[in-house]
């Protein structure tokens, strides 16, 4: 594959693209599915008032809901995946828009269902749950019943459903402002004039030319400075929405509301922050090493991402990368590696870049289709082999979950998702390190692993701490002005980057440009996920069949257990600080090894 030649979509070799026929044979078939979905949606009101009559009547509705939900998921995944193939394809975008409009109508038309189920008396529901017709729905219903203290009346739920679309306005406005309205211009580089944008920002920050990094940094944050009051108002509005929604649903705080669906105690969140803070010395040690290796008098915010070791060229074809990943994952057994290898060599993945294709990578596992993977694979980038392992972890998690659970509770949580993906990265890291043929390659792999853990464990914990603080301020009645937000973020910059970094005046504007903050109390899951995966990787590699089977049990759990429970089955207890402490020690050991390798 010649990665330098970017093709248009229709020129892509079919064997290098995913096969979506597991969802729909083609666009025409999808249109027929949407027409069927619209007809089924018309039946939703006919079940109203019947759910509490008997276990059989409730089962009738849930059987219909399952059929409806499976079709809805197929329609959603097909249209979304088609759109990612070429974001400029108007036909695919139209499909997505049509589905979203129909899905919004269906959501409003079924807003009565959850309150009606919640209204069934507890004693009656207990009898219902013992009925054979509800066997595959018991876990789904028990999880739903947890929400009973937080579900409102039918009329109130309908009002909230109608209002839900408007709650996304702060995030939508933030996205439009930062992606479309803000213009960062261009800059002269050794390769000619290059555009500065949100997508090229990271590329510039990794350039060895420090003067170029500084210029880009100043231009980039100069734009955020110009829009700082608008950005602060948008984030403040998002936080207000979180707090108001939590109060309407009778939660003690916005954080409590966000953690409730996963049944995660707030102590898990607090343990993460406290444990990372207690072990922050290793992070400061790494930044001190960066300052030394880069030969800097003052270590600045724009010096954080430049590689200490140049990118190592390791030409690896797609098939060679698949072989490498499967070899690294051998401790998981033949079923795992055989299934993943077959899928990657087959048509699970959309492999290479084409014009208009969505950047980056993701896994999209559904109940009926293959666990699809989008990549933009480059044969000379070691990092893309890690990306393959990462997304393969997500896809195999989806594969096991869908095969092991009924539709109504097959889906696992984001809290668990990052465990399966980063577990694979850790096994690949150990495999490559063991087989590194040169000191340069070994140094590169160690440095890359340090940066990956830093970004996932330390940086996401810093973000989680900011979210915690901003919501606490709002809940205590402190207005989230631009000065308040910047002040809180600057404290975190100083704490996490330590004494060797001198923040620029604009550095605290970073807190106003992170899109994840518009999905509150989400980022902590990345940090807990990598902590769990490092512990489980150590357990599986040091153990035998029993430890591997425990990990399989976790992958097969789907939504049958809450995440803390499913991880306990695998062999790690995230309700204690121990896994996070172990992850911090592993990071510290890598920093120590890098110090020795660099000299």
Protein backbone atom coordinates (compact mmCIF):
# COMPACT_ATOMS: atom_id res chain seq x y z
CA UNK A 1 0.00 0.00 0.00
CA UNK A 2 1.49 3.33 -1.08
CA UNK A 3 0.39 5.59 1.75
CA UNK A 4 1.67 8.72 0.00
CA UNK A 5 -1.07 8.49 -2.64
CA UNK A 6 -4.37 9.57 -1.07
CA UNK A 7 -7.16 8.09 -3.14
CA UNK A 8 -10.75 9.16 -3.48
CA UNK A 9 -13.20 6.74 -1.89
CA UNK A 10 -14.33 4.96 -5.04
CA UNK A 11 -10.70 4.14 -5.90
CA UNK A 12 -10.15 2.22 -2.66
CA UNK A 13 -9.59 -1.52 -3.03
CA UNK A 14 -12.68 -3.24 -1.52
CA UNK A 15 -10.46 -5.65 0.45
CA UNK A 16 -9.01 -2.62 2.28
CA UNK A 17 -12.47 -1.40 3.33
CA UNK A 18 -15.00 -2.68 5.81
CA UNK A 19 -17.94 -4.80 4.74
CA UNK A 20 -21.11 -3.26 6.18
CA UNK A 21 -23.41 -5.95 4.80
CA UNK A 22 -23.73 -7.38 8.30
CA UNK A 23 -25.86 -4.29 8.96
CA UNK A 24 -27.46 -3.63 5.56
CA UNK A 25 -26.63 -4.94 2.10
CA UNK A 26 -26.52 -1.44 0.61
CA UNK A 27 -28.03 2.05 0.88
CA UNK A 28 -31.27 0.93 -0.74
CA UNK A 29 -31.66 -1.79 1.88
CA UNK A 30 -30.98 0.83 4.57
CA UNK A 31 -33.79 3.00 3.17
CA UNK A 32 -36.15 0.02 3.41
CA UNK A 33 -35.00 -0.47 7.01
CA UNK A 34 -35.74 3.16 7.83
CA UNK A 35 -39.25 2.82 6.39
CA UNK A 36 -39.76 -0.25 8.59
CA UNK A 37 -38.46 1.70 11.59
CA UNK A 38 -40.97 4.50 10.96
CA UNK A 39 -43.82 1.99 10.83
CA UNK A 40 -42.71 0.29 14.02
CA UNK A 41 -42.44 3.68 15.77
CA UNK A 42 -46.12 4.26 15.05
CA UNK A 43 -46.92 1.24 17.27
CA UNK A 44 -45.18 2.65 20.35
CA UNK A 45 -48.24 4.48 21.75
CA UNK A 46 -50.37 1.32 21.45
CA UNK A 47 -48.50 -0.25 24.39
CA UNK A 48 -49.18 2.67 26.68
CA UNK A 49 -51.15 1.71 29.78
CA UNK A 50 -50.48 -2.02 29.36
CA UNK A 51 -47.10 -2.53 31.00
CA UNK A 52 -48.36 -3.10 34.53
CA UNK A 53 -51.24 -5.42 33.63
CA UNK A 54 -49.21 -8.63 33.74
CA UNK A 55 -45.74 -10.05 33.26
CA UNK A 56 -46.81 -11.20 29.80
CA UNK A 57 -47.97 -7.75 28.76
CA UNK A 58 -44.69 -6.24 29.96
CA UNK A 59 -42.81 -8.97 28.07
CA UNK A 60 -44.80 -8.15 24.92
CA UNK A 61 -43.64 -4.54 25.08
CA UNK A 62 -40.03 -5.50 25.83
CA UNK A 63 -40.02 -7.99 22.94
CA UNK A 64 -41.20 -5.19 20.66
CA UNK A 65 -38.69 -2.77 22.21
CA UNK A 66 -35.86 -5.25 21.57
CA UNK A 67 -36.83 -5.67 17.91
CA UNK A 68 -37.16 -1.91 17.56
CA UNK A 69 -33.85 -1.29 19.35
CA UNK A 70 -31.87 -3.74 17.22
CA UNK A 71 -33.19 -2.14 14.04
CA UNK A 72 -32.48 1.33 15.42
CA UNK A 73 -28.88 0.36 16.24
CA UNK A 74 -28.34 -1.13 12.76
CA UNK A 75 -29.69 2.01 11.08
CA UNK A 76 -27.55 4.27 13.25
CA UNK A 77 -24.31 2.36 12.81
CA UNK A 78 -24.69 1.93 9.04
CA UNK A 79 -25.41 5.61 8.36
CA UNK A 80 -22.70 6.83 10.73
CA UNK A 81 -20.06 4.48 9.31
CA UNK A 82 -21.01 5.36 5.76
CA UNK A 83 -20.59 9.03 6.62
CA UNK A 84 -17.12 8.49 8.09
CA UNK A 85 -15.96 6.96 4.79
CA UNK A 86 -16.22 10.40 3.20
CA UNK A 87 -17.45 13.32 5.30
CA UNK A 88 -18.19 15.21 2.09
CA UNK A 89 -20.61 12.55 0.82
CA UNK A 90 -23.95 14.38 0.89
CA UNK A 91 -25.95 11.17 0.43
CA UNK A 92 -24.41 9.62 3.55
CA UNK A 93 -24.90 12.83 5.56
CA UNK A 94 -28.53 12.90 4.45
CA UNK A 95 -28.99 9.34 5.69
CA UNK A 96 -27.60 10.27 9.08
CA UNK A 97 -29.84 13.34 9.28
CA UNK A 98 -32.96 11.39 8.33
CA UNK A 99 -32.24 8.74 10.95
CA UNK A 100 -31.57 11.29 13.70
CA UNK A 101 -34.88 13.04 13.03
CA UNK A 102 -36.80 9.76 13.14
CA UNK A 103 -34.96 8.64 16.27
CA UNK A 104 -35.78 11.92 18.05
CA UNK A 105 -39.48 11.43 17.23
CA UNK A 106 -39.34 7.86 18.51
CA UNK A 107 -37.68 8.97 21.74
CA UNK A 108 -40.41 11.51 22.37
CA UNK A 109 -43.11 8.96 21.46
CA UNK A 110 -41.75 6.45 23.99
CA UNK A 111 -41.02 8.89 26.84
CA UNK A 112 -43.97 7.42 28.75
CA UNK A 113 -42.51 3.90 28.94
CA UNK A 114 -39.88 4.26 31.67
CA UNK A 115 -42.19 6.16 34.08
CA UNK A 116 -44.88 3.53 33.47
CA UNK A 117 -42.49 0.71 34.33
CA UNK A 118 -41.32 2.64 37.39
CA UNK A 119 -44.94 3.07 38.49
CA UNK A 120 -45.45 -0.70 38.79
CA UNK A 121 -45.58 -1.44 42.55
CA UNK A 122 -42.43 -3.07 43.92
CA UNK A 123 -44.30 -6.19 45.10
CA UNK A 124 -45.91 -6.63 41.69
CA UNK A 125 -42.61 -6.15 39.90
CA UNK A 126 -40.98 -8.78 42.10
CA UNK A 127 -43.63 -11.25 40.94
CA UNK A 128 -43.17 -10.19 37.32
CA UNK A 129 -39.42 -10.77 37.47
CA UNK A 130 -39.92 -14.45 38.34
CA UNK A 131 -41.99 -15.03 35.17
CA UNK A 132 -40.21 -17.04 32.44
CA UNK A 133 -41.26 -14.52 29.76
CA UNK A 134 -39.07 -11.89 31.41
CA UNK A 135 -35.96 -14.04 31.92
CA UNK A 136 -33.76 -12.23 29.38
CA UNK A 137 -34.99 -8.83 30.61
CA UNK A 138 -34.35 -9.28 34.35
CA UNK A 139 -30.97 -7.55 34.39
CA UNK A 140 -32.28 -4.76 32.18
CA UNK A 141 -35.30 -4.22 34.43
CA UNK A 142 -33.32 -4.37 37.67
CA UNK A 143 -30.95 -1.73 36.35
CA UNK A 144 -33.91 0.37 35.26
CA UNK A 145 -35.51 0.10 38.68
CA UNK A 146 -32.42 1.68 40.26
CA UNK A 147 -33.50 4.94 38.62
CA UNK A 148 -36.90 4.91 40.31
CA UNK A 149 -36.05 7.64 42.84
CA UNK A 150 -34.85 9.81 39.95
CA UNK A 151 -37.66 9.28 37.42
CA UNK A 152 -40.35 11.94 37.18
CA UNK A 153 -43.95 11.82 36.05
CA UNK A 154 -44.93 10.96 32.48
CA UNK A 155 -45.60 14.62 31.69
CA UNK A 156 -42.36 15.81 33.27
CA UNK A 157 -40.32 13.14 31.47
CA UNK A 158 -41.83 14.21 28.14
CA UNK A 159 -40.91 17.83 28.85
CA UNK A 160 -37.35 16.81 29.68
CA UNK A 161 -37.13 14.71 26.50
CA UNK A 162 -38.27 17.67 24.41
CA UNK A 163 -35.85 19.98 26.22
CA UNK A 164 -32.88 17.59 25.90
CA UNK A 165 -31.92 18.74 22.42
CA UNK A 166 -31.57 22.33 23.63
CA UNK A 167 -29.22 21.27 26.43
CA UNK A 168 -26.62 20.51 23.82
CA UNK A 169 -26.47 24.15 22.69
CA UNK A 170 -23.32 25.08 24.70
CA UNK A 171 -21.37 22.18 23.22
CA UNK A 172 -22.70 22.81 19.71
CA UNK A 173 -21.77 26.49 19.96
CA UNK A 174 -18.31 25.59 21.34
CA UNK A 175 -17.77 23.19 18.44
CA UNK A 176 -18.85 25.72 15.80
CA UNK A 177 -16.77 28.48 17.40
CA UNK A 178 -13.57 26.46 17.70
CA UNK A 179 -13.86 24.39 14.50
CA UNK A 180 -15.41 26.88 12.10
CA UNK A 181 -15.45 30.49 13.28
CA UNK A 182 -12.01 30.73 14.87
CA UNK A 183 -9.28 31.23 12.26
CA UNK A 184 -5.69 30.49 13.24
CA UNK A 185 -4.12 31.39 9.89
CA UNK A 186 -0.92 29.96 8.45
CA UNK A 187 2.76 29.98 9.35
CA UNK A 188 6.01 29.64 7.44
CA UNK A 189 7.85 26.38 8.05
CA UNK A 190 10.82 24.60 6.47
CA UNK A 191 8.27 22.72 4.33
CA UNK A 192 6.48 25.92 3.23
CA UNK A 193 3.42 27.71 4.59
CA UNK A 194 1.24 25.46 6.71
CA UNK A 195 -2.24 26.03 8.21
CA UNK A 196 -2.67 26.21 11.98
CA UNK A 197 -5.83 24.47 13.16
CA UNK A 198 -7.18 22.26 15.91
CA UNK A 199 -6.16 19.21 13.88
CA UNK A 200 -2.60 20.43 13.10
CA UNK A 201 -1.95 21.84 16.59
CA UNK A 202 -0.53 18.58 17.98
CA UNK A 203 1.67 18.12 14.91
CA UNK A 204 3.24 21.54 15.45
CA UNK A 205 3.77 20.87 19.17
CA UNK A 206 5.83 17.80 18.25
CA UNK A 207 8.15 19.71 15.88
CA UNK A 208 11.81 19.88 17.01
CA UNK A 209 12.01 23.57 16.00
CA UNK A 210 11.35 25.31 19.33
CA UNK A 211 10.95 28.77 17.82
CA UNK A 212 8.27 27.39 15.49
CA UNK A 213 6.49 25.75 18.43
CA UNK A 214 6.51 29.04 20.35
CA UNK A 215 5.14 31.02 17.40
CA UNK A 216 2.34 28.52 16.82
CA UNK A 217 1.57 28.40 20.54
CA UNK A 218 1.27 32.18 20.75
CA UNK A 219 -0.92 32.41 17.63
CA UNK A 220 -3.10 29.50 18.76
CA UNK A 221 -3.75 30.75 22.28
CA UNK A 222 -3.97 34.33 21.06
CA UNK A 223 -7.18 33.29 19.32
CA UNK A 224 -8.51 31.70 22.48
CA UNK A 225 -7.63 34.86 24.39
CA UNK A 226 -9.73 36.87 21.94
CA UNK A 227 -12.74 34.61 22.57
CA UNK A 228 -12.10 33.87 26.26
CA UNK A 229 -15.32 35.41 27.60
CA UNK A 230 -17.49 33.55 25.09
CA UNK A 231 -15.70 30.28 25.81
CA UNK A 232 -16.07 30.76 29.56
CA UNK A 233 -19.78 31.54 29.16
CA UNK A 234 -20.30 28.40 27.06
CA UNK A 235 -18.55 26.14 29.55
CA UNK A 236 -20.35 27.81 32.43
CA UNK A 237 -23.65 27.15 30.64
CA UNK A 238 -22.74 23.50 30.21
CA UNK A 239 -21.91 23.15 33.91
CA UNK A 240 -25.18 24.88 34.84
CA UNK A 241 -27.06 22.34 32.71
CA UNK A 242 -25.31 19.50 34.55
CA UNK A 243 -26.20 20.94 37.94
CA UNK A 244 -29.81 21.77 37.05
CA UNK A 245 -30.41 18.33 35.53
CA UNK A 246 -29.02 16.63 38.63
CA UNK A 247 -31.24 18.70 40.92
CA UNK A 248 -34.34 18.01 38.83
CA UNK A 249 -33.67 14.28 39.15
CA UNK A 250 -33.01 14.44 42.89
CA UNK A 251 -29.28 13.75 42.90
CA UNK A 252 -27.04 15.24 45.57
CA UNK A 253 -24.65 16.67 42.96
CA UNK A 254 -23.87 16.70 39.26
CA UNK A 255 -21.04 14.27 39.84
CA UNK A 256 -23.31 11.89 41.74
CA UNK A 257 -25.73 11.96 38.79
CA UNK A 258 -22.96 11.28 36.28
CA UNK A 259 -21.56 8.32 38.23
CA UNK A 260 -24.96 6.80 39.04
CA UNK A 261 -25.54 4.86 35.76
CA UNK A 262 -22.30 2.89 36.28
CA UNK A 263 -22.95 2.45 40.02
CA UNK A 264 -19.55 3.97 40.75
CA UNK A 265 -19.14 5.42 44.22
CA UNK A 266 -17.75 8.94 44.37
CA UNK A 267 -14.90 7.57 46.49
CA UNK A 268 -13.51 5.88 43.33
CA UNK A 269 -13.22 9.32 41.70
CA UNK A 270 -11.70 10.84 44.83
CA UNK A 271 -9.28 7.91 45.28
CA UNK A 272 -8.03 8.42 41.73
CA UNK A 273 -7.25 12.09 42.29
CA UNK A 274 -5.74 11.54 45.73
CA UNK A 275 -3.56 8.63 44.61
CA UNK A 276 -2.25 10.39 41.50
CA UNK A 277 -1.52 13.49 43.57
CA UNK A 278 0.36 11.38 46.11
CA UNK A 279 2.48 9.87 43.33
CA UNK A 280 3.01 13.00 41.26
CA UNK A 281 6.75 12.99 41.92
CA UNK A 282 7.39 10.57 39.03
CA UNK A 283 5.63 12.95 36.66
CA UNK A 284 7.74 15.87 37.84
CA UNK A 285 10.82 13.68 37.43
CA UNK A 286 9.89 13.01 33.82
CA UNK A 287 9.41 16.70 33.07
CA UNK A 288 12.79 17.41 34.67
CA UNK A 289 14.28 14.79 32.35
CA UNK A 290 12.60 16.44 29.38
CA UNK A 291 14.06 19.80 30.34
CA UNK A 292 17.53 18.27 30.65
CA UNK A 293 17.44 16.27 27.40
CA UNK A 294 16.07 19.20 25.42
CA UNK A 295 18.77 21.44 26.90
CA UNK A 296 16.36 24.13 28.07
CA UNK A 297 16.94 26.95 30.50
CA UNK A 298 13.18 27.29 31.01
CA UNK A 299 10.75 24.45 30.33
CA UNK A 300 7.57 25.82 28.74
CA UNK A 301 4.10 24.53 27.96
CA UNK A 302 5.05 24.22 24.27
CA UNK A 303 7.94 21.89 25.19
CA UNK A 304 5.69 19.18 26.65
CA UNK A 305 5.00 17.12 23.52
CA UNK A 306 8.14 17.27 21.39
CA UNK A 307 9.54 13.70 21.22
CA UNK A 308 12.71 13.05 23.18
CA UNK A 309 13.50 10.24 20.74
CA UNK A 310 12.92 10.75 17.00
CA UNK A 311 10.21 8.63 15.35
CA UNK A 312 11.72 5.26 14.52
CA UNK A 313 10.92 4.14 11.02
CA UNK A 314 9.77 0.52 11.07
CA UNK A 315 8.15 -0.35 7.75
CA UNK A 316 5.25 -2.62 8.64
CA UNK A 317 2.61 -3.67 6.15
CA UNK A 318 -0.97 -4.16 7.32
CA UNK A 319 -0.61 -7.95 7.34
CA UNK A 320 2.72 -7.72 9.17
CA UNK A 321 1.13 -5.47 11.79
CA UNK A 322 -1.72 -7.95 12.25
CA UNK A 323 0.83 -10.73 12.74
CA UNK A 324 2.77 -8.59 15.24
CA UNK A 325 -0.35 -7.72 17.25
CA UNK A 326 -1.59 -11.31 17.32
CA UNK A 327 1.85 -12.53 18.41
CA UNK A 328 1.84 -10.01 21.28
CA UNK A 329 -1.64 -11.13 22.33
CA UNK A 330 -0.80 -14.85 22.37
CA UNK A 331 -1.22 -15.04 26.18
CA UNK A 332 -4.96 -14.53 25.56
CA UNK A 333 -5.24 -17.80 23.66
CA UNK A 334 -6.12 -19.03 20.20
CA UNK A 335 -9.79 -18.04 20.16
CA UNK A 336 -8.96 -14.40 20.85
CA UNK A 337 -6.02 -14.07 18.45
CA UNK A 338 -7.64 -16.24 15.79
CA UNK A 339 -10.85 -14.21 15.77
CA UNK A 340 -9.08 -10.85 15.83
CA UNK A 341 -6.55 -11.90 13.19
CA UNK A 342 -9.28 -13.20 10.91
CA UNK A 343 -11.29 -10.00 11.31
CA UNK A 344 -8.33 -7.71 10.65
CA UNK A 345 -7.17 -9.72 7.64
CA UNK A 346 -10.76 -9.83 6.46
CA UNK A 347 -13.08 -6.86 6.34
CA UNK A 348 -13.66 -5.67 9.87
CA UNK A 349 -11.42 -2.69 9.22
CA UNK A 350 -11.45 0.29 6.91
CA UNK A 351 -7.69 0.40 6.66
CA UNK A 352 -6.27 3.38 4.80
CA UNK A 353 -6.82 7.09 4.36
CA UNK A 354 -8.92 8.39 1.50
CA UNK A 355 -10.00 11.91 0.68
CA UNK A 356 -12.76 13.07 3.01
CA UNK A 357 -12.42 10.12 5.39
CA UNK A 358 -12.70 10.87 9.10
CA UNK A 359 -9.28 11.22 10.72
CA UNK A 360 -8.01 9.14 13.61
CA UNK A 361 -9.33 5.72 14.55
CA UNK A 362 -12.25 4.12 16.38
CA UNK A 363 -14.02 0.82 16.96
CA UNK A 364 -17.77 0.51 16.40
CA UNK A 365 -19.14 -2.75 17.74
CA UNK A 366 -22.86 -3.45 17.43
CA UNK A 367 -25.08 -6.42 18.31
CA UNK A 368 -25.61 -7.66 14.75
CA UNK A 369 -22.75 -6.37 12.59
CA UNK A 370 -19.02 -6.99 12.80
CA UNK A 371 -17.08 -4.98 15.40
CA UNK A 372 -15.90 -2.50 12.79
CA UNK A 373 -12.63 -0.54 13.01
CA UNK A 374 -11.81 2.73 11.27
CA UNK A 375 -8.13 3.43 10.78
CA UNK A 376 -5.90 5.62 8.64
CA UNK A 377 -3.00 3.19 8.73
CA UNK A 378 0.52 4.34 7.79
CA UNK A 379 3.08 1.61 7.15
CA UNK A 380 6.02 3.62 8.53
CA UNK A 381 4.41 4.62 11.84
CA UNK A 382 4.99 2.43 14.90
CA UNK A 383 2.17 4.27 16.65
CA UNK A 384 -0.33 2.90 14.11
CA UNK A 385 0.53 -0.66 15.16
CA UNK A 386 -0.36 0.37 18.72
CA UNK A 387 -3.58 1.91 17.39
CA UNK A 388 -4.45 -1.39 15.71
CA UNK A 389 -3.93 -3.23 19.01
CA UNK A 390 -5.97 -0.61 20.88
CA UNK A 391 -8.96 -0.65 18.55
CA UNK A 392 -8.70 -4.42 18.27
CA UNK A 393 -9.16 -4.58 22.05
CA UNK A 394 -12.39 -2.59 21.78
CA UNK A 395 -13.63 -4.78 18.92
CA UNK A 396 -12.93 -8.06 20.68
CA UNK A 397 -14.64 -6.71 23.79
CA UNK A 398 -17.70 -5.99 21.64
CA UNK A 399 -17.44 -9.40 19.95
CA UNK A 400 -17.47 -11.27 23.27
CA UNK A 401 -20.17 -9.05 24.78
CA UNK A 402 -22.57 -9.44 21.85
CA UNK A 403 -22.12 -13.22 21.73
CA UNK A 404 -22.55 -13.68 25.48
CA UNK A 405 -25.56 -11.49 26.33
CA UNK A 406 -29.11 -10.63 25.24
CA UNK A 407 -29.46 -7.37 23.32
CA UNK A 408 -31.06 -5.46 26.19
CA UNK A 409 -27.94 -5.67 28.31
CA UNK A 410 -25.07 -6.60 25.99
CA UNK A 411 -23.49 -3.14 25.90
CA UNK A 412 -20.60 -2.48 28.27
CA UNK A 413 -19.77 0.91 29.76
CA UNK A 414 -17.07 3.41 28.82
CA UNK A 415 -15.59 2.73 32.27
CA UNK A 416 -14.87 -0.85 31.10
CA UNK A 417 -14.15 -0.07 27.44
CA UNK A 418 -10.77 1.55 28.02
CA UNK A 419 -9.58 -1.49 29.97
CA UNK A 420 -9.81 -3.88 27.01
CA UNK A 421 -8.08 -1.47 24.62
CA UNK A 422 -5.19 -0.36 26.83
CA UNK A 423 -4.69 -3.97 28.01
CA UNK A 424 -3.77 -4.83 24.41
CA UNK A 425 -1.45 -1.85 24.19
CA UNK A 426 0.41 -3.03 27.29
CA UNK A 427 0.89 -6.53 25.86
CA UNK A 428 2.12 -5.08 22.55
CA UNK A 429 4.50 -2.75 24.40
CA UNK A 430 6.01 -5.66 26.33
CA UNK A 431 6.31 -7.75 23.18
CA UNK A 432 8.05 -4.99 21.20
CA UNK A 433 10.34 -4.13 24.11
CA UNK A 434 11.38 -7.78 24.48
CA UNK A 435 12.17 -8.00 20.77
CA UNK A 436 13.67 -4.54 20.20
CA UNK A 437 16.68 -5.03 17.92
CA UNK A 438 18.44 -1.71 18.59
CA UNK A 439 18.96 0.56 21.63
CA UNK A 440 17.29 3.38 19.67
CA UNK A 441 14.14 1.32 19.09
CA UNK A 442 14.07 0.29 22.76
CA UNK A 443 14.43 3.90 23.88
CA UNK A 444 11.71 5.01 21.48
CA UNK A 445 9.27 2.33 22.71
CA UNK A 446 9.90 3.16 26.38
CA UNK A 447 9.46 6.90 25.74
CA UNK A 448 6.28 6.29 23.75
CA UNK A 449 4.83 4.16 26.55
CA UNK A 450 5.65 6.87 29.10
CA UNK A 451 3.89 9.49 27.00
CA UNK A 452 0.87 7.22 26.48
CA UNK A 453 0.46 6.51 30.21
CA UNK A 454 1.05 10.17 31.03
CA UNK A 455 -1.68 11.25 28.61
CA UNK A 456 -4.14 8.66 29.88
CA UNK A 457 -3.44 8.51 33.61
CA UNK A 458 -1.99 11.84 34.74
CA UNK A 459 -3.46 14.24 32.20
CA UNK A 460 -6.98 12.81 32.39
CA UNK A 461 -6.84 12.90 36.19
CA UNK A 462 -5.87 16.57 35.97
CA UNK A 463 -8.90 17.13 33.74
CA UNK A 464 -11.09 15.17 36.18
CA UNK A 465 -9.90 17.36 39.03
CA UNK A 466 -10.80 20.49 37.06
CA UNK A 467 -14.30 19.17 36.34
CA UNK A 468 -14.80 18.32 39.99
CA UNK A 469 -13.75 21.79 41.08
CA UNK A 470 -15.76 23.71 38.45
CA UNK A 471 -18.97 21.86 39.35
CA UNK A 472 -18.39 22.33 43.07
CA UNK A 473 -18.01 26.07 42.52
CA UNK A 474 -21.25 26.24 40.53
CA UNK A 475 -23.11 24.19 43.15
CA UNK A 476 -21.84 26.46 45.92
CA UNK A 477 -23.08 29.55 44.10
CA UNK A 478 -19.75 30.86 42.78
CA UNK A 479 -20.15 32.26 39.23
CA UNK A 480 -17.83 30.56 36.74
CA UNK A 481 -16.31 33.69 35.25
CA UNK A 482 -13.34 33.56 32.92
CA UNK A 483 -11.02 34.64 35.72
CA UNK A 484 -12.33 31.99 38.12
CA UNK A 485 -11.95 29.20 35.54
CA UNK A 486 -8.49 30.31 34.49
CA UNK A 487 -7.40 30.64 38.10
CA UNK A 488 -8.52 27.11 38.96
CA UNK A 489 -6.86 25.68 35.87
CA UNK A 490 -3.58 27.50 36.52
CA UNK A 491 -3.38 25.93 39.99
CA UNK A 492 -3.63 22.52 38.34
CA UNK A 493 -1.01 23.35 35.72
CA UNK A 494 1.41 24.33 38.45
CA UNK A 495 0.64 21.22 40.50
CA UNK A 496 0.84 18.65 37.69
CA UNK A 497 3.74 20.09 35.68
CA UNK A 498 5.78 20.85 38.77
CA UNK A 499 8.65 23.24 39.46
CA UNK A 500 10.49 22.68 36.18
CA UNK A 501 7.81 24.18 33.96
CA UNK A 502 7.19 27.91 33.69
CA UNK A 503 3.58 28.39 32.46
CA UNK A 504 3.00 31.13 29.91
CA UNK A 505 0.40 33.77 30.63
CA UNK A 506 -1.94 32.08 28.14
CA UNK A 507 -1.34 28.51 29.38
CA UNK A 508 -4.42 28.43 31.59
CA UNK A 509 -6.62 29.02 28.53
CA UNK A 510 -6.18 25.31 27.85
CA UNK A 511 -9.03 24.68 30.27
CA UNK A 512 -11.40 26.51 27.92
CA UNK A 513 -10.56 24.49 24.81
CA UNK A 514 -11.08 20.84 25.89
CA UNK A 515 -14.20 19.40 24.17
CA UNK A 516 -14.45 16.49 26.65
CA UNK A 517 -15.46 18.97 29.36
CA UNK A 518 -18.85 19.28 27.66
CA UNK A 519 -19.50 15.64 28.58
CA UNK A 520 -19.03 16.02 32.29
CA UNK A 521 -17.24 13.50 34.52
CA UNK A 522 -16.24 11.33 31.59
CA UNK A 523 -12.46 11.69 31.39
CA UNK A 524 -11.74 10.02 34.74
CA UNK A 525 -12.70 6.72 33.09
CA UNK A 526 -9.60 6.87 30.91
CA UNK A 527 -7.41 7.07 34.00
CA UNK A 528 -9.20 4.28 35.88
CA UNK A 529 -9.25 2.22 32.68
CA UNK A 530 -5.49 2.24 32.14
CA UNK A 531 -4.91 1.58 35.85
CA UNK A 532 -7.11 -1.52 35.65
CA UNK A 533 -5.56 -2.70 32.38
CA UNK A 534 -1.99 -2.47 33.67
CA UNK A 535 -2.95 -4.51 36.73
CA UNK A 536 -4.78 -7.10 34.64
CA UNK A 537 -1.98 -7.39 32.10
CA UNK A 538 0.45 -8.12 34.90
CA UNK A 539 -1.97 -10.67 36.38
CA UNK A 540 -2.59 -12.50 33.10
CA UNK A 541 1.08 -12.60 32.06
CA UNK A 542 2.20 -13.77 35.49
CA UNK A 543 -0.63 -16.28 35.83
CA UNK A 544 -2.06 -19.18 33.91
CA UNK A 545 -5.34 -20.50 32.57
CA UNK A 546 -7.37 -19.33 35.58
CA UNK A 547 -6.20 -15.72 35.26
CA UNK A 548 -6.88 -15.75 31.51
CA UNK A 549 -10.36 -17.17 32.04
CA UNK A 550 -11.05 -14.45 34.63
CA UNK A 551 -10.17 -11.86 31.99
CA UNK A 552 -12.43 -13.61 29.49
CA UNK A 553 -15.24 -13.42 32.05
CA UNK A 554 -14.76 -9.67 32.13
CA UNK A 555 -14.87 -9.41 28.32
CA UNK A 556 -18.04 -11.50 28.24
CA UNK A 557 -19.81 -9.53 30.97
CA UNK A 558 -21.22 -6.91 28.61
CA UNK A 559 -23.80 -5.02 30.63
CA UNK A 560 -24.70 -7.96 32.86
CA UNK A 561 -22.70 -6.49 35.74
CA UNK A 562 -21.80 -3.00 36.84
CA UNK A 563 -18.20 -2.09 35.92
CA UNK A 564 -16.69 -2.31 39.41
CA UNK A 565 -18.21 -5.79 39.75
CA UNK A 566 -17.08 -7.00 36.32
CA UNK A 567 -13.51 -5.85 36.98
CA UNK A 568 -13.53 -7.66 40.33
CA UNK A 569 -14.40 -10.83 38.41
CA UNK A 570 -11.35 -10.19 36.22
CA UNK A 571 -9.17 -9.83 39.31
CA UNK A 572 -8.83 -6.10 40.02
CA UNK A 573 -10.69 -4.05 42.63
CA UNK A 574 -11.12 -0.46 41.45
CA UNK A 575 -12.95 0.49 44.65
CA UNK A 576 -9.50 0.62 46.30
CA UNK A 577 -6.53 2.86 45.46
CA UNK A 578 -4.28 -0.18 44.83
CA UNK A 579 -4.59 -0.38 40.99
CA UNK A 580 -3.92 3.35 40.57
CA UNK A 581 -0.95 3.13 42.94
CA UNK A 582 0.43 0.23 40.87
CA UNK A 583 -0.04 2.19 37.65
CA UNK A 584 1.85 5.15 39.11
CA UNK A 585 4.69 2.80 40.16
CA UNK A 586 4.81 1.34 36.64
CA UNK A 587 5.08 4.84 35.22
CA UNK A 588 7.87 5.67 37.66
CA UNK A 589 9.77 2.51 36.67
CA UNK A 590 9.55 3.47 33.00
CA UNK A 591 10.86 6.97 33.74
CA UNK A 592 13.78 5.43 35.62
CA UNK A 593 14.55 3.12 32.70
CA UNK A 594 14.40 6.02 30.23
CA UNK A 595 16.86 7.96 32.37
CA UNK A 596 19.29 5.03 32.07
CA UNK A 597 18.72 4.60 28.33
CA UNK A 598 19.23 8.27 27.53
CA UNK A 599 22.14 8.57 29.90
